[in-house]
N, C-alpha and C. Protein backbone atom coordinates (compact mmCIF):
# COMPACT_ATOMS: atom_id res chain seq x y z
N MET A 1 -8.41 56.61 18.84
CA MET A 1 -8.08 55.76 17.73
C MET A 1 -6.56 55.54 17.65
N THR A 2 -5.79 56.57 17.92
CA THR A 2 -4.34 56.45 17.90
C THR A 2 -3.88 55.46 18.96
N ARG A 3 -4.53 55.50 20.10
CA ARG A 3 -4.18 54.57 21.18
C ARG A 3 -4.42 53.13 20.74
N THR A 4 -5.50 52.89 20.02
CA THR A 4 -5.82 51.55 19.54
C THR A 4 -4.74 51.07 18.57
N ARG A 5 -4.31 51.95 17.68
CA ARG A 5 -3.25 51.57 16.73
C ARG A 5 -1.94 51.29 17.45
N THR A 6 -1.63 52.08 18.45
CA THR A 6 -0.41 51.86 19.23
C THR A 6 -0.46 50.51 19.92
N MET A 7 -1.61 50.19 20.49
CA MET A 7 -1.77 48.90 21.17
C MET A 7 -1.67 47.75 20.17
N GLN A 8 -2.26 47.94 18.98
CA GLN A 8 -2.18 46.90 17.96
C GLN A 8 -0.74 46.69 17.50
N ALA A 9 -0.01 47.79 17.32
CA ALA A 9 1.39 47.69 16.91
C ALA A 9 2.22 46.98 17.98
N GLN A 10 1.95 47.33 19.23
CA GLN A 10 2.66 46.69 20.34
C GLN A 10 2.33 45.20 20.39
N ALA A 11 1.08 44.86 20.19
CA ALA A 11 0.66 43.46 20.19
C ALA A 11 1.35 42.69 19.07
N ARG A 12 1.48 43.33 17.89
CA ARG A 12 2.16 42.67 16.76
C ARG A 12 3.64 42.46 17.07
N ARG A 13 4.28 43.43 17.71
CA ARG A 13 5.69 43.27 18.09
C ARG A 13 5.86 42.13 19.08
N ILE A 14 4.99 42.09 20.06
CA ILE A 14 5.06 41.01 21.06
C ILE A 14 4.85 39.66 20.40
N LEU A 15 3.88 39.59 19.51
CA LEU A 15 3.62 38.34 18.79
C LEU A 15 4.83 37.96 17.94
N GLY A 16 5.44 38.92 17.28
CA GLY A 16 6.62 38.66 16.45
C GLY A 16 7.78 38.13 17.27
N VAL A 17 8.02 38.73 18.42
CA VAL A 17 9.10 38.28 19.30
C VAL A 17 8.81 36.88 19.81
N THR A 18 7.57 36.62 20.17
CA THR A 18 7.18 35.30 20.67
C THR A 18 7.39 34.23 19.60
N VAL A 19 6.95 34.52 18.38
CA VAL A 19 7.12 33.56 17.28
C VAL A 19 8.60 33.32 17.02
N ALA A 20 9.40 34.38 17.04
CA ALA A 20 10.84 34.23 16.81
C ALA A 20 11.47 33.38 17.91
N ALA A 21 11.07 33.60 19.15
CA ALA A 21 11.62 32.82 20.26
C ALA A 21 11.28 31.33 20.12
N PHE A 22 10.04 31.05 19.75
CA PHE A 22 9.66 29.64 19.57
C PHE A 22 10.38 29.03 18.38
N SER A 23 10.64 29.80 17.35
CA SER A 23 11.36 29.30 16.19
C SER A 23 12.79 28.92 16.57
N VAL A 24 13.44 29.78 17.34
CA VAL A 24 14.81 29.50 17.78
C VAL A 24 14.82 28.28 18.69
N ALA A 25 13.87 28.20 19.61
CA ALA A 25 13.82 27.06 20.52
C ALA A 25 13.57 25.77 19.74
N GLY A 26 12.69 25.82 18.76
CA GLY A 26 12.41 24.64 17.95
C GLY A 26 13.64 24.20 17.17
N ALA A 27 14.39 25.15 16.65
CA ALA A 27 15.61 24.82 15.91
C ALA A 27 16.65 24.19 16.85
N ALA A 28 16.74 24.69 18.07
CA ALA A 28 17.69 24.13 19.04
C ALA A 28 17.33 22.70 19.38
N VAL A 29 16.06 22.43 19.57
CA VAL A 29 15.62 21.06 19.87
C VAL A 29 15.90 20.15 18.69
N ALA A 30 15.62 20.61 17.49
CA ALA A 30 15.88 19.80 16.30
C ALA A 30 17.37 19.51 16.17
N GLN A 31 18.22 20.49 16.45
CA GLN A 31 19.67 20.30 16.38
C GLN A 31 20.11 19.27 17.42
N ALA A 32 19.59 19.37 18.62
CA ALA A 32 19.96 18.43 19.68
C ALA A 32 19.55 17.02 19.30
N GLN A 33 18.40 16.88 18.66
CA GLN A 33 17.93 15.55 18.29
C GLN A 33 18.77 14.95 17.18
N THR A 34 19.32 15.77 16.29
CA THR A 34 20.11 15.23 15.20
C THR A 34 21.55 14.94 15.61
N THR A 35 22.04 15.57 16.69
CA THR A 35 23.41 15.32 17.09
C THR A 35 23.55 14.16 18.07
N MET A 36 22.48 13.78 18.73
CA MET A 36 22.54 12.65 19.65
C MET A 36 22.23 11.37 18.89
N PRO A 37 23.00 10.32 19.12
CA PRO A 37 22.68 9.06 18.45
C PRO A 37 21.35 8.53 18.96
N ALA A 38 20.62 7.91 18.07
CA ALA A 38 19.34 7.34 18.47
C ALA A 38 19.59 6.16 19.39
N ALA A 39 19.07 6.23 20.57
CA ALA A 39 19.29 5.17 21.55
C ALA A 39 18.27 4.06 21.35
N LYS A 40 18.78 2.86 21.18
CA LYS A 40 17.86 1.74 21.12
C LYS A 40 17.55 1.32 22.55
N PRO A 41 16.39 0.83 22.78
CA PRO A 41 16.04 0.45 24.15
C PRO A 41 17.00 -0.60 24.70
N ALA A 42 17.47 -0.37 25.90
CA ALA A 42 18.38 -1.32 26.52
C ALA A 42 17.59 -2.55 26.95
N ASP A 43 18.05 -3.70 26.52
CA ASP A 43 17.34 -4.90 26.94
C ASP A 43 17.79 -5.30 28.34
N ALA A 44 17.13 -6.26 28.90
CA ALA A 44 17.39 -6.68 30.28
C ALA A 44 18.82 -7.18 30.46
N THR A 45 19.38 -7.83 29.44
CA THR A 45 20.74 -8.34 29.54
C THR A 45 21.75 -7.20 29.64
N ALA A 46 21.58 -6.18 28.81
CA ALA A 46 22.48 -5.02 28.84
C ALA A 46 22.34 -4.28 30.17
N GLN A 47 21.11 -4.12 30.64
CA GLN A 47 20.90 -3.44 31.91
C GLN A 47 21.55 -4.21 33.06
N ALA A 48 21.42 -5.52 33.03
CA ALA A 48 22.01 -6.34 34.09
C ALA A 48 23.54 -6.28 34.04
N ALA A 49 24.11 -6.32 32.84
CA ALA A 49 25.57 -6.24 32.70
C ALA A 49 26.07 -4.88 33.18
N PHE A 50 25.36 -3.82 32.84
CA PHE A 50 25.74 -2.48 33.29
C PHE A 50 25.71 -2.40 34.81
N LYS A 51 24.66 -2.92 35.40
CA LYS A 51 24.50 -2.87 36.86
C LYS A 51 25.62 -3.64 37.55
N ARG A 52 25.97 -4.80 37.00
CA ARG A 52 27.06 -5.60 37.60
C ARG A 52 28.40 -4.87 37.49
N ALA A 53 28.65 -4.23 36.37
CA ALA A 53 29.93 -3.55 36.16
C ALA A 53 30.02 -2.24 36.94
N ASP A 54 28.89 -1.62 37.24
CA ASP A 54 28.87 -0.34 37.96
C ASP A 54 29.13 -0.60 39.45
N ALA A 55 30.39 -0.80 39.79
CA ALA A 55 30.78 -1.23 41.14
C ALA A 55 30.35 -0.25 42.23
N ASN A 56 30.40 1.04 41.96
CA ASN A 56 30.03 2.02 43.00
C ASN A 56 28.58 2.48 42.90
N SER A 57 27.82 1.88 41.99
CA SER A 57 26.38 2.16 41.82
C SER A 57 26.06 3.64 41.63
N ASP A 58 26.92 4.35 40.87
CA ASP A 58 26.65 5.77 40.62
C ASP A 58 25.91 6.00 39.31
N GLY A 59 25.57 4.92 38.60
CA GLY A 59 24.83 5.05 37.35
C GLY A 59 25.70 5.36 36.14
N LYS A 60 27.03 5.29 36.32
CA LYS A 60 27.97 5.53 35.24
C LYS A 60 29.10 4.51 35.36
N LEU A 61 29.71 4.20 34.21
CA LEU A 61 30.87 3.31 34.23
C LEU A 61 32.13 4.11 33.99
N SER A 62 33.06 3.99 34.89
CA SER A 62 34.38 4.60 34.71
C SER A 62 35.24 3.63 33.91
N PRO A 63 36.36 4.09 33.39
CA PRO A 63 37.26 3.15 32.68
C PRO A 63 37.69 1.98 33.56
N SER A 64 37.92 2.23 34.85
CA SER A 64 38.35 1.13 35.73
C SER A 64 37.21 0.13 35.96
N GLU A 65 35.97 0.58 35.97
CA GLU A 65 34.83 -0.34 36.11
C GLU A 65 34.61 -1.12 34.81
N ALA A 66 34.87 -0.47 33.68
CA ALA A 66 34.66 -1.11 32.38
C ALA A 66 35.61 -2.27 32.14
N VAL A 67 36.71 -2.33 32.88
CA VAL A 67 37.68 -3.43 32.75
C VAL A 67 37.00 -4.77 33.00
N ALA A 68 35.94 -4.79 33.79
CA ALA A 68 35.21 -6.04 34.06
C ALA A 68 34.57 -6.60 32.80
N LEU A 69 34.39 -5.76 31.78
CA LEU A 69 33.82 -6.19 30.50
C LEU A 69 34.82 -5.84 29.40
N PRO A 70 35.73 -6.74 29.06
CA PRO A 70 36.82 -6.43 28.12
C PRO A 70 36.34 -5.87 26.77
N ALA A 71 35.22 -6.35 26.25
CA ALA A 71 34.73 -5.84 24.97
C ALA A 71 34.32 -4.37 25.07
N ILE A 72 33.77 -3.98 26.22
CA ILE A 72 33.39 -2.58 26.45
C ILE A 72 34.65 -1.76 26.71
N ALA A 73 35.56 -2.28 27.52
CA ALA A 73 36.79 -1.56 27.85
C ALA A 73 37.60 -1.25 26.59
N ALA A 74 37.63 -2.19 25.65
CA ALA A 74 38.39 -2.00 24.41
C ALA A 74 37.81 -0.87 23.55
N ARG A 75 36.52 -0.61 23.68
CA ARG A 75 35.87 0.43 22.86
C ARG A 75 35.39 1.60 23.70
N PHE A 76 35.91 1.73 24.91
CA PHE A 76 35.42 2.72 25.86
C PHE A 76 35.38 4.13 25.27
N GLU A 77 36.49 4.57 24.71
CA GLU A 77 36.55 5.94 24.17
C GLU A 77 35.55 6.15 23.05
N ALA A 78 35.36 5.16 22.19
CA ALA A 78 34.40 5.29 21.09
C ALA A 78 32.97 5.32 21.60
N LEU A 79 32.69 4.56 22.65
CA LEU A 79 31.34 4.51 23.20
C LEU A 79 31.00 5.76 24.01
N ASP A 80 32.01 6.42 24.54
CA ASP A 80 31.82 7.63 25.35
C ASP A 80 31.54 8.81 24.42
N THR A 81 30.33 8.86 23.88
CA THR A 81 29.99 9.86 22.85
C THR A 81 29.98 11.29 23.36
N ASP A 82 29.71 11.51 24.64
CA ASP A 82 29.73 12.88 25.15
C ASP A 82 31.10 13.27 25.71
N LYS A 83 32.06 12.34 25.64
CA LYS A 83 33.45 12.57 26.02
C LYS A 83 33.61 13.12 27.44
N ASP A 84 32.81 12.56 28.36
CA ASP A 84 32.93 12.99 29.77
C ASP A 84 33.78 12.02 30.59
N GLY A 85 34.35 11.01 29.92
CA GLY A 85 35.21 10.06 30.63
C GLY A 85 34.44 8.96 31.34
N MET A 86 33.14 8.92 31.17
CA MET A 86 32.29 7.91 31.80
C MET A 86 31.30 7.40 30.75
N LEU A 87 30.81 6.17 30.96
CA LEU A 87 29.76 5.65 30.09
C LEU A 87 28.44 5.71 30.84
N SER A 88 27.47 6.36 30.22
CA SER A 88 26.12 6.34 30.78
C SER A 88 25.49 5.00 30.40
N SER A 89 24.35 4.71 30.98
CA SER A 89 23.69 3.45 30.63
C SER A 89 23.27 3.45 29.16
N THR A 90 22.94 4.61 28.62
CA THR A 90 22.56 4.71 27.21
C THR A 90 23.77 4.45 26.32
N GLU A 91 24.90 5.08 26.63
CA GLU A 91 26.11 4.84 25.84
C GLU A 91 26.51 3.37 25.92
N PHE A 92 26.40 2.80 27.10
CA PHE A 92 26.73 1.39 27.29
C PHE A 92 25.81 0.51 26.44
N ALA A 93 24.51 0.77 26.51
CA ALA A 93 23.54 -0.05 25.79
C ALA A 93 23.75 0.02 24.28
N LEU A 94 24.17 1.19 23.77
CA LEU A 94 24.42 1.31 22.34
C LEU A 94 25.58 0.43 21.89
N GLY A 95 26.52 0.17 22.79
CA GLY A 95 27.68 -0.61 22.41
C GLY A 95 27.70 -2.04 22.93
N TYR A 96 26.74 -2.37 23.78
CA TYR A 96 26.73 -3.69 24.40
C TYR A 96 26.22 -4.74 23.43
N GLN A 97 26.93 -5.85 23.41
CA GLN A 97 26.48 -7.02 22.65
C GLN A 97 26.53 -8.20 23.61
N ALA A 98 25.40 -8.84 23.76
CA ALA A 98 25.34 -9.99 24.68
C ALA A 98 26.26 -11.09 24.17
N PRO A 99 26.89 -11.81 25.08
CA PRO A 99 27.74 -12.92 24.67
C PRO A 99 26.92 -13.97 23.89
N ALA A 100 27.52 -14.54 22.90
CA ALA A 100 26.85 -15.58 22.10
C ALA A 100 26.59 -16.80 22.97
N LYS A 101 25.43 -17.40 22.75
CA LYS A 101 25.07 -18.59 23.55
C LYS A 101 25.43 -19.85 22.83
């Protein structure tokens, strides 16, 4: 009977640690979701403009590549939300405005 109680206590400890771990992981995911700006879907025009400006086709825009789009170049630092010195396609799409027709 003592062995059964020991096993039950051990099972409760394991369950407690597991629940705590999932709680921490859930909080981390929630924090990450609240700190990242909500990305609106990039339309075909923004994707095409990004592709044209990405001269070396590395999937990122450097400040020198952004010069091809003066409106983006002027706001480069503000659009670079992760401050890595490059614009991802998501950062670009958040700031891209198609030219008026």
